[in-house]
C-alpha atoms as a PDB file:
ATOM      1  CA  MET A   1       0.000   0.000   0.000  1.00  0.00           C
ATOM      2  CA  ARG A   2       2.812   2.404   0.836  1.00  0.00           C
ATOM      3  CA  SER A   3       4.529   1.829  -2.528  1.00  0.00           C
ATOM      4  CA  GLU A   4       1.201   2.402  -4.306  1.00  0.00           C
ATOM      5  CA  MET A   5       0.824   5.769  -2.553  1.00  0.00           C
ATOM      6  CA  SER A   6       4.414   6.676  -3.434  1.00  0.00           C
ATOM      7  CA  GLU A   7       3.780   5.778  -7.077  1.00  0.00           C
ATOM      8  CA  ARG A   8       0.661   7.962  -7.184  1.00  0.00           C
ATOM      9  CA  ARG A   9       2.502  10.873  -5.586  1.00  0.00           C
ATOM     10  CA  ARG A  10       5.424  10.527  -8.020  1.00  0.00           C
ATOM     11  CA  GLU A  11       3.021  10.366 -10.988  1.00  0.00           C
ATOM     12  CA  ALA A  12       1.186  13.501  -9.794  1.00  0.00           C
ATOM     13  CA  GLU A  13       4.468  15.355  -9.335  1.00  0.00           C
ATOM     14  CA  THR A  14       5.735  14.469 -12.799  1.00  0.00           C
ATOM     15  CA  SER A  15       2.457  15.355 -14.520  1.00  0.00           C
ATOM     16  CA  GLU A  16       2.274  18.867 -13.075  1.00  0.00           C
ATOM     17  CA  PRO A  17       3.501  21.738 -15.238  1.00  0.00           C
ATOM     18  CA  LYS A  18       7.158  22.608 -14.685  1.00  0.00           C
ATOM     19  CA  ASP A  19       8.591  26.124 -14.526  1.00  0.00           C
ATOM     20  CA  LEU A  20      11.406  25.197 -16.908  1.00  0.00           C
ATOM     21  CA  ASP A  21       8.979  23.892 -19.540  1.00  0.00           C
ATOM     22  CA  PHE A  22       6.789  26.958 -19.020  1.00  0.00           C
ATOM     23  CA  ARG A  23       9.685  29.305 -19.813  1.00  0.00           C
ATOM     24  CA  ARG A  24      10.783  27.144 -22.795  1.00  0.00           C
ATOM     25  CA  ILE A  25       7.302  27.420 -24.259  1.00  0.00           C
ATOM     26  CA  GLN A  26       7.198  31.187 -23.769  1.00  0.00           C
ATOM     27  CA  ARG A  27      10.590  31.656 -25.453  1.00  0.00           C
ATOM     28  CA  SER A  28       9.746  29.255 -28.268  1.00  0.00           C
ATOM     29  CA  LEU A  29       6.543  31.097 -29.193  1.00  0.00           C
ATOM     30  CA  GLU A  30       8.633  34.141 -30.074  1.00  0.00           C
ATOM     31  CA  LYS A  31       9.927  32.121 -33.058  1.00  0.00           C
ATOM     32  CA  ARG A  32       6.526  31.232 -34.534  1.00  0.00           C
ATOM     33  CA  ARG A  33       5.789  32.041 -38.181  1.00  0.00           C
ATOM     34  CA  ARG A  34       2.230  33.379 -37.847  1.00  0.00           C
ATOM     35  CA  TYR A  35       0.899  36.453 -36.042  1.00  0.00           C
ATOM     36  CA  ARG A  36       4.267  37.459 -34.665  1.00  0.00           C
ATOM     37  CA  TYR A  37       2.939  40.921 -33.774  1.00  0.00           C
ATOM     38  CA  VAL A  38       0.665  39.642 -30.964  1.00  0.00           C
ATOM     39  CA  SER A  39       1.738  38.391 -27.554  1.00  0.00           C
ATOM     40  CA  PRO A  40       0.408  34.913 -26.791  1.00  0.00           C
ATOM     41  CA  ILE A  41      -0.419  33.943 -23.228  1.00  0.00           C
ATOM     42  CA  VAL A  42       0.845  30.652 -21.764  1.00  0.00           C
ATOM     43  CA  LEU A  43      -1.283  29.254 -18.948  1.00  0.00           C
ATOM     44  CA  ARG A  44      -0.623  26.270 -16.717  1.00  0.00           C
ATOM     45  CA  THR A  45      -3.302  23.570 -16.764  1.00  0.00           C
ATOM     46  CA  PRO A  46      -3.431  20.218 -14.971  1.00  0.00           C
ATOM     47  CA  GLY A  47      -0.913  18.028 -16.787  1.00  0.00           C
ATOM     48  CA  GLY A  48       0.288  20.694 -19.204  1.00  0.00           C
ATOM     49  CA  TYR A  49      -0.168  24.130 -20.715  1.00  0.00           C
ATOM     50  CA  ARG A  50      -2.698  26.136 -22.722  1.00  0.00           C
ATOM     51  CA  ILE A  51      -1.873  28.912 -25.174  1.00  0.00           C
ATOM     52  CA  GLN A  52      -4.192  31.828 -25.848  1.00  0.00           C
ATOM     53  CA  SER A  53      -3.730  34.839 -28.107  1.00  0.00           C
ATOM     54  CA  PRO A  54      -5.589  37.902 -29.327  1.00  0.00           C
ATOM     55  CA  CYS A  55      -7.470  37.062 -32.534  1.00  0.00           C
ATOM     56  CA  CYS A  56      -5.879  39.508 -34.979  1.00  0.00           C
ATOM     57  CA  SER A  57      -7.286  37.898 -38.124  1.00  0.00           C
ATOM     58  CA  ARG A  58     -10.788  38.216 -36.665  1.00  0.00           C
ATOM     59  CA  ASN A  59     -11.598  34.869 -38.322  1.00  0.00           C
ATOM     60  CA  ILE A  60     -12.646  33.373 -34.987  1.00  0.00           C
ATOM     61  CA  ASP A  61     -13.564  36.450 -32.937  1.00  0.00           C
ATOM     62  CA  PRO A  62     -14.719  39.449 -34.993  1.00  0.00           C
ATOM     63  CA  ASP A  63     -13.932  41.736 -32.043  1.00  0.00           C
ATOM     64  CA  GLY A  64     -10.326  40.540 -31.833  1.00  0.00           C
ATOM     65  CA  GLY A  65     -10.690  39.060 -28.348  1.00  0.00           C
ATOM     66  CA  VAL A  66      -8.415  36.456 -26.772  1.00  0.00           C
ATOM     67  CA  ILE A  67      -8.956  32.925 -28.129  1.00  0.00           C
ATOM     68  CA  ASP A  68      -7.553  29.476 -27.418  1.00  0.00           C
ATOM     69  CA  ILE A  69      -4.720  28.445 -29.745  1.00  0.00           C
ATOM     70  CA  ALA A  70      -3.364  25.140 -28.425  1.00  0.00           C
ATOM     71  CA  MET A  71      -3.172  22.852 -25.431  1.00  0.00           C
ATOM     72  CA  MET A  72      -0.159  20.688 -24.617  1.00  0.00           C
ATOM     73  CA  LEU A  73      -0.622  17.776 -22.232  1.00  0.00           C
ATOM     74  CA  PHE A  74       1.997  15.292 -21.091  1.00  0.00           C
ATOM     75  CA  GLU A  75       0.689  11.730 -21.187  1.00  0.00           C
ATOM     76  CA  GLN A  76       2.625  10.124 -18.331  1.00  0.00           C
ATOM     77  CA  ARG A  77       1.837   6.491 -19.155  1.00  0.00           C
ATOM     78  CA  LYS A  78       2.857   6.757 -22.827  1.00  0.00           C
ATOM     79  CA  ARG A  79       5.601   9.321 -22.112  1.00  0.00           C
ATOM     80  CA  VAL A  80       4.450  11.588 -24.967  1.00  0.00           C
ATOM     81  CA  TRP A  81       3.305  15.162 -25.365  1.00  0.00           C
ATOM     82  CA  ARG A  82      -0.204  15.488 -26.820  1.00  0.00           C
ATOM     83  CA  LEU A  83      -0.924  18.610 -28.859  1.00  0.00           C
ATOM     84  CA  LEU A  84      -4.569  19.648 -29.064  1.00  0.00           C
ATOM     85  CA  ARG A  85      -6.173  22.355 -31.170  1.00  0.00           C
ATOM     86  CA  LYS A  86      -9.470  24.106 -30.582  1.00  0.00           C
ATOM     87  CA  ASP A  87     -12.418  23.556 -32.889  1.00  0.00           C
ATOM     88  CA  HIS A  88     -13.876  26.998 -32.322  1.00  0.00           C
ATOM     89  CA  SER A  89     -17.119  26.253 -34.161  1.00  0.00           C
ATOM     90  CA  LEU A  90     -17.908  23.409 -31.728  1.00  0.00           C
ATOM     91  CA  GLY A  91     -16.027  24.810 -28.734  1.00  0.00           C
ATOM     92  CA  VAL A  92     -14.083  21.576 -28.119  1.00  0.00           C
ATOM     93  CA  TRP A  93     -10.437  20.525 -28.030  1.00  0.00           C
ATOM     94  CA  GLU A  94      -9.299  17.977 -30.633  1.00  0.00           C
ATOM     95  CA  LEU A  95      -6.153  15.870 -30.634  1.00  0.00           C
ATOM     96  CA  ASP A  96      -3.854  17.069 -33.398  1.00  0.00           C
ATOM     97  CA  SER A  97      -0.664  15.070 -32.808  1.00  0.00           C
ATOM     98  CA  GLU A  98       1.637  13.344 -30.321  1.00  0.00           C
ATOM     99  CA  HIS A  99       5.335  14.096 -29.879  1.00  0.00           C
ATOM    100  CA  ALA A 100       8.105  12.322 -28.009  1.00  0.00           C
ATOM    101  CA  ARG A 101       9.753  15.607 -26.997  1.00  0.00           C
ATOM    102  CA  LEU A 102       8.473  19.054 -26.093  1.00  0.00           C
ATOM    103  CA  ALA A 103      10.953  20.687 -28.495  1.00  0.00           C
ATOM    104  CA  GLU A 104       9.515  18.644 -31.376  1.00  0.00           C
ATOM    105  CA  LEU A 105       5.974  19.702 -30.450  1.00  0.00           C
ATOM    106  CA  LEU A 106       6.969  23.377 -30.243  1.00  0.00           C
ATOM    107  CA  GLY A 107       8.661  23.267 -33.642  1.00  0.00           C
ATOM    108  CA  TYR A 108       5.507  21.797 -35.178  1.00  0.00           C
ATOM    109  CA  LEU A 109       3.283  24.369 -33.453  1.00  0.00           C
ATOM    110  CA  ASN A 110       5.493  27.300 -34.435  1.00  0.00           C
ATOM    111  CA  GLU A 111       5.588  26.235 -38.086  1.00  0.00           C
ATOM    112  CA  ASP A 112       1.827  25.567 -38.311  1.00  0.00           C
ATOM    113  CA  ALA A 113       2.008  25.042 -42.073  1.00  0.00           C
ATOM    114  CA  ASP A 114      -1.722  24.216 -42.358  1.00  0.00           C
ATOM    115  CA  ARG A 115      -2.923  27.069 -40.087  1.00  0.00           C
ATOM    116  CA  ARG A 116      -4.578  24.670 -37.677  1.00  0.00           C
ATOM    117  CA  PHE A 117      -3.605  26.699 -34.626  1.00  0.00           C
ATOM    118  CA  TRP A 118      -2.808  30.287 -35.614  1.00  0.00           C
ATOM    119  CA  GLN A 119      -5.969  31.036 -37.584  1.00  0.00           C
END
């Protein structure tokens, strides 16, 4: 029983957002290709991070308000980062891709060749 409690505690500690990852994400977003003139917001969420940004294109929010861009969650059991994008028409998060490393995920997000995130 004691080892089971230790395992749960260790899993909870490793799934919580880390300050180092938080700063890496903030710095990485400065290198994105789209909407470089706005300042995205990185928020901690249980198990990961959420990115929001003003909607400069006004495609999603005609008033240019802050919208969800992406969510990054670390899947402890599979040891992968899950990247989710927001379906704004339905108001739900959808799985976009999985990445073995955070740096790989950030490169994919910053490139956003198909405009799935930075709309």
